[in-house]
Amino acid sequence: MRSSFRDYWSLPLKDVFSNKKVVENNLLNYAGSQVLRVLLSSACHAFRGMSQSWPKTNLTTMLRKNGFIVIPNFLSQKGFDQVKDEFFNTTDIGFYAPIKDGDTRVERYTFSSDKWKTLPAVNKLLSDNLLVRTLEGAELKNIKIGDVWFDTIYYDAPQKGTSSQSQLHSDTFFNTHKVWFFIEPVKLEDGPLCFVPGTNRLSLKRLMFDYKKSIHFEELMDYSFRVEPKDRSFLGCMEKALICPENTLVIANTRGFHRRGYAKAGHTRKQIHFCIRTNPFSFS
């Protein structure tokens, strides 16, 4: 009896201090475990900022305030042309893993770190001092880039069903960052990244939203917290579409609400993409 009770609670309690999107336990969620996780992970993030000196620039300040930054003309024209050439001509060494999601198809090639480091231009891009320092100044820890994706997103006719990425959502409960480097211009009709400025930061309404979602976790698709129409007015969601030219770097804290914008059938979006997701309860 005692052993079964211990086994029943041990895993959910461990999950409270994990990077899982939500704890899969009704009682713990009703007791406020998700709100506790948000607050504790934010406290750990703040502690890292106080315990060590991290890069603080206009870019990191904007990233912390708004939840995203857009840097056009990130590379020199020569450097961009070299990255573009590798994007189109080196997919044979990547792992092909296409994704079908409603009206969207993603031709994805995954490059592990030992693979993308063999591509001189891409390696230079991902090792760029401005990129690394900005990410470390936002994460408040040393970062290591793992898998990188070369994506071409195709948009089909909308009658095939809407992509799950077209609804506003938060990836997870803690500060975590995604990076996009765009190989071609991204216009409104190309399904740009849309972000609600400031939703990466804590607020009472956001905590209430997270609590409500957590107690209904069994109803969630992939456990991401999605913004329903009734939530938009409560949260005051006013999104911004991040249209941009080619050779643009975008970094976003995807704790904030974001989505892939609606696109016209037949349009595409080409990007080099990766994410940074570490232990949310780390003090260093």
C-alpha atoms as a PDB file:
ATOM      1  CA  MET A   1       0.000   0.000   0.000  1.00  0.00           C
ATOM      2  CA  ARG A   2       2.712   2.438   1.043  1.00  0.00           C
ATOM      3  CA  SER A   3       4.854   1.459  -1.963  1.00  0.00           C
ATOM      4  CA  SER A   4       2.010   1.942  -4.470  1.00  0.00           C
ATOM      5  CA  PHE A   5       1.192   5.358  -2.972  1.00  0.00           C
ATOM      6  CA  ARG A   6       4.838   6.396  -3.318  1.00  0.00           C
ATOM      7  CA  ASP A   7       4.998   5.137  -6.900  1.00  0.00           C
ATOM      8  CA  TYR A   8       1.771   6.976  -7.775  1.00  0.00           C
ATOM      9  CA  TRP A   9       3.139  10.347  -6.652  1.00  0.00           C
ATOM     10  CA  SER A  10       6.862  10.082  -7.402  1.00  0.00           C
ATOM     11  CA  LEU A  11       6.665  10.627 -11.164  1.00  0.00           C
ATOM     12  CA  PRO A  12       4.195  13.569 -11.143  1.00  0.00           C
ATOM     13  CA  LEU A  13       6.206  15.320  -8.429  1.00  0.00           C
ATOM     14  CA  LYS A  14       9.385  14.890 -10.480  1.00  0.00           C
ATOM     15  CA  ASP A  15       7.559  16.352 -13.474  1.00  0.00           C
ATOM     16  CA  VAL A  16       6.894  19.572 -11.539  1.00  0.00           C
ATOM     17  CA  PHE A  17      10.617  20.318 -11.754  1.00  0.00           C
ATOM     18  CA  SER A  18      11.105  19.145 -15.335  1.00  0.00           C
ATOM     19  CA  ASN A  19      10.879  20.916 -18.696  1.00  0.00           C
ATOM     20  CA  LYS A  20       7.649  19.105 -19.588  1.00  0.00           C
ATOM     21  CA  LYS A  21       5.043  21.543 -20.846  1.00  0.00           C
ATOM     22  CA  VAL A  22       2.526  20.532 -18.199  1.00  0.00           C
ATOM     23  CA  VAL A  23       2.297  18.074 -15.320  1.00  0.00           C
ATOM     24  CA  GLU A  24      -0.041  15.233 -16.237  1.00  0.00           C
ATOM     25  CA  ASN A  25      -1.797  15.107 -12.898  1.00  0.00           C
ATOM     26  CA  ASN A  26      -5.189  16.690 -12.201  1.00  0.00           C
ATOM     27  CA  LEU A  27      -4.776  17.102  -8.459  1.00  0.00           C
ATOM     28  CA  LEU A  28      -1.387  18.810  -8.730  1.00  0.00           C
ATOM     29  CA  ASN A  29      -2.660  21.149 -11.423  1.00  0.00           C
ATOM     30  CA  TYR A  30      -5.749  22.092  -9.412  1.00  0.00           C
ATOM     31  CA  ALA A  31      -3.389  22.785  -6.520  1.00  0.00           C
ATOM     32  CA  GLY A  32      -1.512  25.276  -8.723  1.00  0.00           C
ATOM     33  CA  SER A  33       1.576  23.320  -9.783  1.00  0.00           C
ATOM     34  CA  GLN A  34       1.725  25.020 -13.194  1.00  0.00           C
ATOM     35  CA  VAL A  35       1.682  28.503 -11.666  1.00  0.00           C
ATOM     36  CA  LEU A  36       4.376  27.373  -9.230  1.00  0.00           C
ATOM     37  CA  ARG A  37       6.490  26.131 -12.153  1.00  0.00           C
ATOM     38  CA  VAL A  38       6.139  29.457 -13.969  1.00  0.00           C
ATOM     39  CA  LEU A  39       7.132  31.443 -10.887  1.00  0.00           C
ATOM     40  CA  LEU A  40      10.043  29.193  -9.889  1.00  0.00           C
ATOM     41  CA  SER A  41      11.498  29.029 -13.403  1.00  0.00           C
ATOM     42  CA  SER A  42      11.258  32.832 -13.633  1.00  0.00           C
ATOM     43  CA  ALA A  43      12.998  33.132 -10.265  1.00  0.00           C
ATOM     44  CA  CYS A  44      15.803  30.839 -11.472  1.00  0.00           C
ATOM     45  CA  HIS A  45      16.133  32.938 -14.628  1.00  0.00           C
ATOM     46  CA  ALA A  46      16.363  36.130 -12.539  1.00  0.00           C
ATOM     47  CA  PHE A  47      18.910  34.523 -10.183  1.00  0.00           C
ATOM     48  CA  ARG A  48      21.172  33.643 -13.130  1.00  0.00           C
ATOM     49  CA  GLY A  49      21.039  37.289 -14.167  1.00  0.00           C
ATOM     50  CA  MET A  50      22.132  38.449 -10.710  1.00  0.00           C
ATOM     51  CA  SER A  51      24.763  35.800 -10.021  1.00  0.00           C
ATOM     52  CA  GLN A  52      26.835  36.379 -13.138  1.00  0.00           C
ATOM     53  CA  SER A  53      27.491  39.129 -15.659  1.00  0.00           C
ATOM     54  CA  TRP A  54      25.796  38.472 -19.003  1.00  0.00           C
ATOM     55  CA  PRO A  55      25.761  40.520 -22.221  1.00  0.00           C
ATOM     56  CA  LYS A  56      23.364  43.461 -21.952  1.00  0.00           C
ATOM     57  CA  THR A  57      22.839  45.301 -25.212  1.00  0.00           C
ATOM     58  CA  ASN A  58      20.005  47.106 -26.966  1.00  0.00           C
ATOM     59  CA  LEU A  59      19.145  43.800 -28.629  1.00  0.00           C
ATOM     60  CA  THR A  60      18.930  41.801 -25.389  1.00  0.00           C
ATOM     61  CA  THR A  61      16.906  44.606 -23.789  1.00  0.00           C
ATOM     62  CA  MET A  62      14.434  44.603 -26.689  1.00  0.00           C
ATOM     63  CA  LEU A  63      14.255  40.815 -26.636  1.00  0.00           C
ATOM     64  CA  ARG A  64      13.432  40.740 -22.932  1.00  0.00           C
ATOM     65  CA  LYS A  65      10.896  43.560 -23.255  1.00  0.00           C
ATOM     66  CA  ASN A  66       9.043  42.594 -26.436  1.00  0.00           C
ATOM     67  CA  GLY A  67       9.823  38.886 -26.690  1.00  0.00           C
ATOM     68  CA  PHE A  68      11.361  39.140 -30.169  1.00  0.00           C
ATOM     69  CA  ILE A  69      13.953  40.972 -32.244  1.00  0.00           C
ATOM     70  CA  VAL A  70      14.346  41.295 -36.008  1.00  0.00           C
ATOM     71  CA  ILE A  71      17.822  41.907 -37.475  1.00  0.00           C
ATOM     72  CA  PRO A  72      17.806  42.560 -41.246  1.00  0.00           C
ATOM     73  CA  ASN A  73      21.004  42.299 -43.319  1.00  0.00           C
ATOM     74  CA  PHE A  74      22.483  40.036 -40.678  1.00  0.00           C
ATOM     75  CA  LEU A  75      25.281  38.783 -42.921  1.00  0.00           C
ATOM     76  CA  SER A  76      27.365  40.491 -45.568  1.00  0.00           C
ATOM     77  CA  GLN A  77      26.103  39.886 -49.098  1.00  0.00           C
ATOM     78  CA  LYS A  78      28.969  37.464 -49.717  1.00  0.00           C
ATOM     79  CA  GLY A  79      28.298  35.577 -46.495  1.00  0.00           C
ATOM     80  CA  PHE A  80      24.585  35.396 -47.243  1.00  0.00           C
ATOM     81  CA  ASP A  81      25.167  34.083 -50.762  1.00  0.00           C
ATOM     82  CA  GLN A  82      27.387  31.329 -49.323  1.00  0.00           C
ATOM     83  CA  VAL A  83      24.757  30.323 -46.726  1.00  0.00           C
ATOM     84  CA  LYS A  84      22.086  30.331 -49.425  1.00  0.00           C
ATOM     85  CA  ASP A  85      24.216  28.074 -51.617  1.00  0.00           C
ATOM     86  CA  GLU A  86      24.664  25.588 -48.760  1.00  0.00           C
ATOM     87  CA  PHE A  87      20.942  25.706 -47.969  1.00  0.00           C
ATOM     88  CA  PHE A  88      20.025  24.593 -51.485  1.00  0.00           C
ATOM     89  CA  ASN A  89      22.932  22.249 -52.237  1.00  0.00           C
ATOM     90  CA  THR A  90      23.835  20.300 -49.087  1.00  0.00           C
ATOM     91  CA  THR A  91      20.560  18.683 -48.056  1.00  0.00           C
ATOM     92  CA  ASP A  92      22.008  15.283 -48.955  1.00  0.00           C
ATOM     93  CA  ILE A  93      23.903  15.213 -45.627  1.00  0.00           C
ATOM     94  CA  GLY A  94      20.842  16.181 -43.585  1.00  0.00           C
ATOM     95  CA  PHE A  95      18.205  13.794 -42.254  1.00  0.00           C
ATOM     96  CA  TYR A  96      14.998  14.170 -44.247  1.00  0.00           C
ATOM     97  CA  ALA A  97      11.887  14.305 -42.029  1.00  0.00           C
ATOM     98  CA  PRO A  98       8.902  15.942 -43.775  1.00  0.00           C
ATOM     99  CA  ILE A  99       5.980  17.262 -41.734  1.00  0.00           C
ATOM    100  CA  LYS A 100       2.325  17.393 -42.808  1.00  0.00           C
ATOM    101  CA  ASP A 101       0.116  19.645 -40.715  1.00  0.00           C
ATOM    102  CA  GLY A 102      -3.266  20.611 -42.132  1.00  0.00           C
ATOM    103  CA  ASP A 103      -2.787  22.909 -45.117  1.00  0.00           C
ATOM    104  CA  THR A 104       0.968  23.093 -44.534  1.00  0.00           C
ATOM    105  CA  ARG A 105       3.801  20.840 -45.665  1.00  0.00           C
ATOM    106  CA  VAL A 106       7.323  21.266 -44.333  1.00  0.00           C
ATOM    107  CA  GLU A 107      10.230  19.783 -46.255  1.00  0.00           C
ATOM    108  CA  ARG A 108      12.632  19.488 -43.323  1.00  0.00           C
ATOM    109  CA  TYR A 109      16.273  18.431 -43.307  1.00  0.00           C
ATOM    110  CA  THR A 110      17.743  18.021 -39.837  1.00  0.00           C
ATOM    111  CA  PHE A 111      21.462  18.687 -39.361  1.00  0.00           C
ATOM    112  CA  SER A 112      23.032  17.544 -36.102  1.00  0.00           C
ATOM    113  CA  SER A 113      25.844  19.739 -34.790  1.00  0.00           C
ATOM    114  CA  ASP A 114      28.543  17.465 -36.255  1.00  0.00           C
ATOM    115  CA  LYS A 115      26.853  17.848 -39.657  1.00  0.00           C
ATOM    116  CA  TRP A 116      26.209  21.603 -39.808  1.00  0.00           C
ATOM    117  CA  LYS A 117      29.712  22.303 -38.534  1.00  0.00           C
ATOM    118  CA  THR A 118      31.023  20.786 -41.790  1.00  0.00           C
ATOM    119  CA  LEU A 119      29.248  23.556 -43.739  1.00  0.00           C
ATOM    120  CA  PRO A 120      31.622  26.537 -43.612  1.00  0.00           C
ATOM    121  CA  ALA A 121      29.080  29.316 -44.218  1.00  0.00           C
ATOM    122  CA  VAL A 122      26.372  27.865 -41.955  1.00  0.00           C
ATOM    123  CA  ASN A 123      28.941  27.169 -39.244  1.00  0.00           C
ATOM    124  CA  LYS A 124      30.066  30.800 -39.463  1.00  0.00           C
ATOM    125  CA  LEU A 125      26.446  31.978 -39.236  1.00  0.00           C
ATOM    126  CA  LEU A 126      25.657  29.863 -36.175  1.00  0.00           C
ATOM    127  CA  SER A 127      28.934  30.790 -34.487  1.00  0.00           C
ATOM    128  CA  ASP A 128      28.424  34.506 -35.082  1.00  0.00           C
ATOM    129  CA  ASN A 129      29.367  36.460 -31.966  1.00  0.00           C
ATOM    130  CA  LEU A 130      26.307  38.734 -32.133  1.00  0.00           C
ATOM    131  CA  LEU A 131      23.953  35.740 -32.358  1.00  0.00           C
ATOM    132  CA  VAL A 132      25.602  33.790 -29.535  1.00  0.00           C
ATOM    133  CA  ARG A 133      25.971  36.784 -27.194  1.00  0.00           C
ATOM    134  CA  THR A 134      22.374  37.842 -27.773  1.00  0.00           C
ATOM    135  CA  LEU A 135      21.057  34.351 -27.011  1.00  0.00           C
ATOM    136  CA  GLU A 136      23.228  34.062 -23.900  1.00  0.00           C
ATOM    137  CA  GLY A 137      22.127  37.530 -22.782  1.00  0.00           C
ATOM    138  CA  ALA A 138      18.502  36.386 -23.084  1.00  0.00           C
ATOM    139  CA  GLU A 139      18.851  32.865 -21.662  1.00  0.00           C
ATOM    140  CA  LEU A 140      21.289  34.115 -18.996  1.00  0.00           C
ATOM    141  CA  LYS A 141      23.405  31.009 -19.434  1.00  0.00           C
ATOM    142  CA  ASN A 142      25.965  29.553 -21.818  1.00  0.00           C
ATOM    143  CA  ILE A 143      24.237  28.069 -24.822  1.00  0.00           C
ATOM    144  CA  LYS A 144      25.025  25.204 -27.138  1.00  0.00           C
ATOM    145  CA  ILE A 145      23.306  24.892 -30.499  1.00  0.00           C
ATOM    146  CA  GLY A 146      22.264  21.331 -31.270  1.00  0.00           C
ATOM    147  CA  ASP A 147      20.097  20.237 -34.177  1.00  0.00           C
ATOM    148  CA  VAL A 148      19.425  22.790 -36.912  1.00  0.00           C
ATOM    149  CA  TRP A 149      16.635  22.528 -39.471  1.00  0.00           C
ATOM    150  CA  PHE A 150      16.669  23.559 -43.107  1.00  0.00           C
ATOM    151  CA  ASP A 151      12.967  24.126 -43.777  1.00  0.00           C
ATOM    152  CA  THR A 152      10.931  24.880 -46.859  1.00  0.00           C
ATOM    153  CA  ILE A 153       7.304  25.440 -45.899  1.00  0.00           C
ATOM    154  CA  TYR A 154       4.662  24.888 -48.584  1.00  0.00           C
ATOM    155  CA  TYR A 155       1.104  26.164 -48.245  1.00  0.00           C
ATOM    156  CA  ASP A 156      -1.706  24.170 -49.820  1.00  0.00           C
ATOM    157  CA  ALA A 157      -5.348  25.031 -50.396  1.00  0.00           C
ATOM    158  CA  PRO A 158      -7.060  25.892 -47.070  1.00  0.00           C
ATOM    159  CA  GLN A 159      -9.802  23.285 -47.546  1.00  0.00           C
ATOM    160  CA  LYS A 160      -7.209  20.669 -46.569  1.00  0.00           C
ATOM    161  CA  GLY A 161      -7.442  21.841 -42.970  1.00  0.00           C
ATOM    162  CA  THR A 162      -5.732  24.576 -40.981  1.00  0.00           C
ATOM    163  CA  SER A 163      -2.232  24.050 -39.615  1.00  0.00           C
ATOM    164  CA  SER A 164      -1.911  23.777 -35.843  1.00  0.00           C
ATOM    165  CA  GLN A 165       0.782  26.448 -36.074  1.00  0.00           C
ATOM    166  CA  SER A 166      -1.685  29.065 -37.313  1.00  0.00           C
ATOM    167  CA  GLN A 167      -3.315  29.448 -33.883  1.00  0.00           C
ATOM    168  CA  LEU A 168      -1.729  31.687 -31.246  1.00  0.00           C
ATOM    169  CA  HIS A 169       0.039  29.561 -28.670  1.00  0.00           C
ATOM    170  CA  SER A 170       2.840  29.439 -26.139  1.00  0.00           C
ATOM    171  CA  ASP A 171       5.450  26.711 -26.543  1.00  0.00           C
ATOM    172  CA  THR A 172       6.082  26.208 -22.852  1.00  0.00           C
ATOM    173  CA  PHE A 173       6.008  27.783 -19.388  1.00  0.00           C
ATOM    174  CA  PHE A 174       9.589  29.102 -19.166  1.00  0.00           C
ATOM    175  CA  ASN A 175      11.877  31.449 -21.081  1.00  0.00           C
ATOM    176  CA  THR A 176      13.004  29.613 -24.195  1.00  0.00           C
ATOM    177  CA  HIS A 177      14.163  30.927 -27.550  1.00  0.00           C
ATOM    178  CA  LYS A 178      13.802  30.031 -31.192  1.00  0.00           C
ATOM    179  CA  VAL A 179      15.869  31.420 -34.061  1.00  0.00           C
ATOM    180  CA  TRP A 180      14.956  31.831 -37.727  1.00  0.00           C
ATOM    181  CA  PHE A 181      17.298  32.905 -40.506  1.00  0.00           C
ATOM    182  CA  PHE A 182      15.322  33.631 -43.655  1.00  0.00           C
ATOM    183  CA  ILE A 183      16.731  32.599 -47.025  1.00  0.00           C
ATOM    184  CA  GLU A 184      14.044  34.472 -48.985  1.00  0.00           C
ATOM    185  CA  PRO A 185      11.872  37.531 -48.220  1.00  0.00           C
ATOM    186  CA  VAL A 186       8.865  36.835 -45.998  1.00  0.00           C
ATOM    187  CA  LYS A 187       5.747  38.783 -46.972  1.00  0.00           C
ATOM    188  CA  LEU A 188       2.252  38.685 -45.489  1.00  0.00           C
ATOM    189  CA  GLU A 189       1.168  36.109 -48.068  1.00  0.00           C
ATOM    190  CA  ASP A 190       4.122  33.855 -47.108  1.00  0.00           C
ATOM    191  CA  GLY A 191       2.876  33.073 -43.599  1.00  0.00           C
ATOM    192  CA  PRO A 192       5.200  35.237 -41.486  1.00  0.00           C
ATOM    193  CA  LEU A 193       5.865  34.670 -37.816  1.00  0.00           C
ATOM    194  CA  CYS A 194       3.294  36.615 -35.783  1.00  0.00           C
ATOM    195  CA  PHE A 195       4.059  37.550 -32.174  1.00  0.00           C
ATOM    196  CA  VAL A 196       2.140  39.305 -29.390  1.00  0.00           C
ATOM    197  CA  PRO A 197       4.702  41.762 -27.953  1.00  0.00           C
ATOM    198  CA  GLY A 198       5.363  41.489 -24.233  1.00  0.00           C
ATOM    199  CA  THR A 199       3.610  38.162 -23.665  1.00  0.00           C
ATOM    200  CA  ASN A 200       6.925  36.559 -22.736  1.00  0.00           C
ATOM    201  CA  ARG A 201       6.760  38.533 -19.477  1.00  0.00           C
ATOM    202  CA  LEU A 202       4.808  37.575 -16.367  1.00  0.00           C
ATOM    203  CA  SER A 203       1.393  39.058 -15.642  1.00  0.00           C
ATOM    204  CA  LEU A 204      -1.530  38.150 -13.414  1.00  0.00           C
ATOM    205  CA  LYS A 205      -3.752  37.484 -16.436  1.00  0.00           C
ATOM    206  CA  ARG A 206      -1.120  35.222 -17.966  1.00  0.00           C
ATOM    207  CA  LEU A 207      -0.848  33.211 -14.740  1.00  0.00           C
ATOM    208  CA  MET A 208      -4.640  32.867 -14.670  1.00  0.00           C
ATOM    209  CA  PHE A 209      -4.574  31.681 -18.288  1.00  0.00           C
ATOM    210  CA  ASP A 210      -1.826  29.137 -17.557  1.00  0.00           C
ATOM    211  CA  TYR A 211      -3.702  27.825 -14.517  1.00  0.00           C
ATOM    212  CA  LYS A 212      -6.923  27.380 -16.478  1.00  0.00           C
ATOM    213  CA  LYS A 213      -5.139  25.549 -19.292  1.00  0.00           C
ATOM    214  CA  SER A 214      -3.271  23.273 -16.886  1.00  0.00           C
ATOM    215  CA  ILE A 215      -6.401  21.988 -15.157  1.00  0.00           C
ATOM    216  CA  HIS A 216      -7.764  20.999 -18.575  1.00  0.00           C
ATOM    217  CA  PHE A 217      -4.472  19.578 -19.848  1.00  0.00           C
ATOM    218  CA  GLU A 218      -6.121  16.422 -21.179  1.00  0.00           C
ATOM    219  CA  GLU A 219      -7.978  18.527 -23.766  1.00  0.00           C
ATOM    220  CA  LEU A 220      -4.803  20.136 -25.130  1.00  0.00           C
ATOM    221  CA  MET A 221      -3.254  19.262 -28.468  1.00  0.00           C
ATOM    222  CA  ASP A 222       0.471  18.467 -27.927  1.00  0.00           C
ATOM    223  CA  TYR A 223       0.121  20.163 -24.502  1.00  0.00           C
ATOM    224  CA  SER A 224       0.840  23.612 -25.961  1.00  0.00           C
ATOM    225  CA  PHE A 225      -1.317  26.340 -24.411  1.00  0.00           C
ATOM    226  CA  ARG A 226      -3.385  27.737 -27.306  1.00  0.00           C
ATOM    227  CA  VAL A 227      -5.274  31.030 -27.280  1.00  0.00           C
ATOM    228  CA  GLU A 228      -8.968  30.598 -28.039  1.00  0.00           C
ATOM    229  CA  PRO A 229     -11.068  33.517 -29.356  1.00  0.00           C
ATOM    230  CA  LYS A 230     -12.477  34.188 -25.862  1.00  0.00           C
ATOM    231  CA  ASP A 231      -8.925  34.315 -24.471  1.00  0.00           C
ATOM    232  CA  ARG A 232      -7.800  36.992 -26.928  1.00  0.00           C
ATOM    233  CA  SER A 233      -9.866  39.779 -25.401  1.00  0.00           C
ATOM    234  CA  PHE A 234      -9.064  38.693 -21.827  1.00  0.00           C
ATOM    235  CA  LEU A 235      -5.326  38.682 -22.545  1.00  0.00           C
ATOM    236  CA  GLY A 236      -5.410  41.738 -24.828  1.00  0.00           C
ATOM    237  CA  CYS A 237      -3.608  39.951 -27.652  1.00  0.00           C
ATOM    238  CA  MET A 238      -2.533  42.379 -30.388  1.00  0.00           C
ATOM    239  CA  GLU A 239      -0.167  40.466 -32.632  1.00  0.00           C
ATOM    240  CA  LYS A 240       2.527  41.831 -34.929  1.00  0.00           C
ATOM    241  CA  ALA A 241       3.418  40.136 -38.236  1.00  0.00           C
ATOM    242  CA  LEU A 242       7.201  39.971 -38.651  1.00  0.00           C
ATOM    243  CA  ILE A 243       7.528  40.502 -42.396  1.00  0.00           C
ATOM    244  CA  CYS A 244      11.132  40.893 -43.454  1.00  0.00           C
ATOM    245  CA  PRO A 245      13.600  40.762 -46.367  1.00  0.00           C
ATOM    246  CA  GLU A 246      15.955  37.886 -47.063  1.00  0.00           C
ATOM    247  CA  ASN A 247      19.092  37.668 -44.932  1.00  0.00           C
ATOM    248  CA  THR A 248      17.084  38.504 -41.793  1.00  0.00           C
ATOM    249  CA  LEU A 249      17.644  36.916 -38.398  1.00  0.00           C
ATOM    250  CA  VAL A 250      14.696  36.666 -35.995  1.00  0.00           C
ATOM    251  CA  ILE A 251      14.934  35.571 -32.357  1.00  0.00           C
ATOM    252  CA  ALA A 252      11.780  35.039 -30.308  1.00  0.00           C
ATOM    253  CA  ASN A 253      11.072  33.975 -26.747  1.00  0.00           C
ATOM    254  CA  THR A 254       8.395  31.416 -27.447  1.00  0.00           C
ATOM    255  CA  ARG A 255       7.000  31.491 -23.940  1.00  0.00           C
ATOM    256  CA  GLY A 256       5.246  34.456 -25.526  1.00  0.00           C
ATOM    257  CA  PHE A 257       2.204  33.977 -27.740  1.00  0.00           C
ATOM    258  CA  HIS A 258       3.034  33.458 -31.388  1.00  0.00           C
ATOM    259  CA  ARG A 259       1.816  31.707 -34.501  1.00  0.00           C
ATOM    260  CA  ARG A 260       2.560  31.174 -38.158  1.00  0.00           C
ATOM    261  CA  GLY A 261       0.584  33.712 -40.164  1.00  0.00           C
ATOM    262  CA  TYR A 262      -1.978  32.778 -42.776  1.00  0.00           C
ATOM    263  CA  ALA A 263      -0.539  32.318 -46.253  1.00  0.00           C
ATOM    264  CA  LYS A 264      -1.780  32.141 -49.812  1.00  0.00           C
ATOM    265  CA  ALA A 265      -1.881  28.705 -51.411  1.00  0.00           C
ATOM    266  CA  GLY A 266       1.194  28.088 -53.527  1.00  0.00           C
ATOM    267  CA  HIS A 267       3.487  30.336 -51.490  1.00  0.00           C
ATOM    268  CA  THR A 268       6.542  29.096 -49.596  1.00  0.00           C
ATOM    269  CA  ARG A 269       8.839  30.128 -46.753  1.00  0.00           C
ATOM    270  CA  LYS A 270      12.501  29.087 -46.620  1.00  0.00           C
ATOM    271  CA  GLN A 271      14.470  29.242 -43.396  1.00  0.00           C
ATOM    272  CA  ILE A 272      17.282  27.907 -41.243  1.00  0.00           C
ATOM    273  CA  HIS A 273      15.739  27.273 -37.864  1.00  0.00           C
ATOM    274  CA  PHE A 274      16.703  26.012 -34.393  1.00  0.00           C
ATOM    275  CA  CYS A 275      15.658  26.313 -30.775  1.00  0.00           C
ATOM    276  CA  ILE A 276      17.343  26.679 -27.403  1.00  0.00           C
ATOM    277  CA  ARG A 277      15.558  24.769 -24.640  1.00  0.00           C
ATOM    278  CA  THR A 278      17.423  23.977 -21.434  1.00  0.00           C
ATOM    279  CA  ASN A 279      16.680  23.127 -17.799  1.00  0.00           C
ATOM    280  CA  PRO A 280      14.214  25.805 -16.596  1.00  0.00           C
ATOM    281  CA  PHE A 281      15.194  25.301 -12.966  1.00  0.00           C
ATOM    282  CA  SER A 282      18.937  25.687 -13.424  1.00  0.00           C
ATOM    283  CA  PHE A 283      20.743  28.290 -11.296  1.00  0.00           C
ATOM    284  CA  SER A 284      23.760  28.364 -13.627  1.00  0.00           C
END
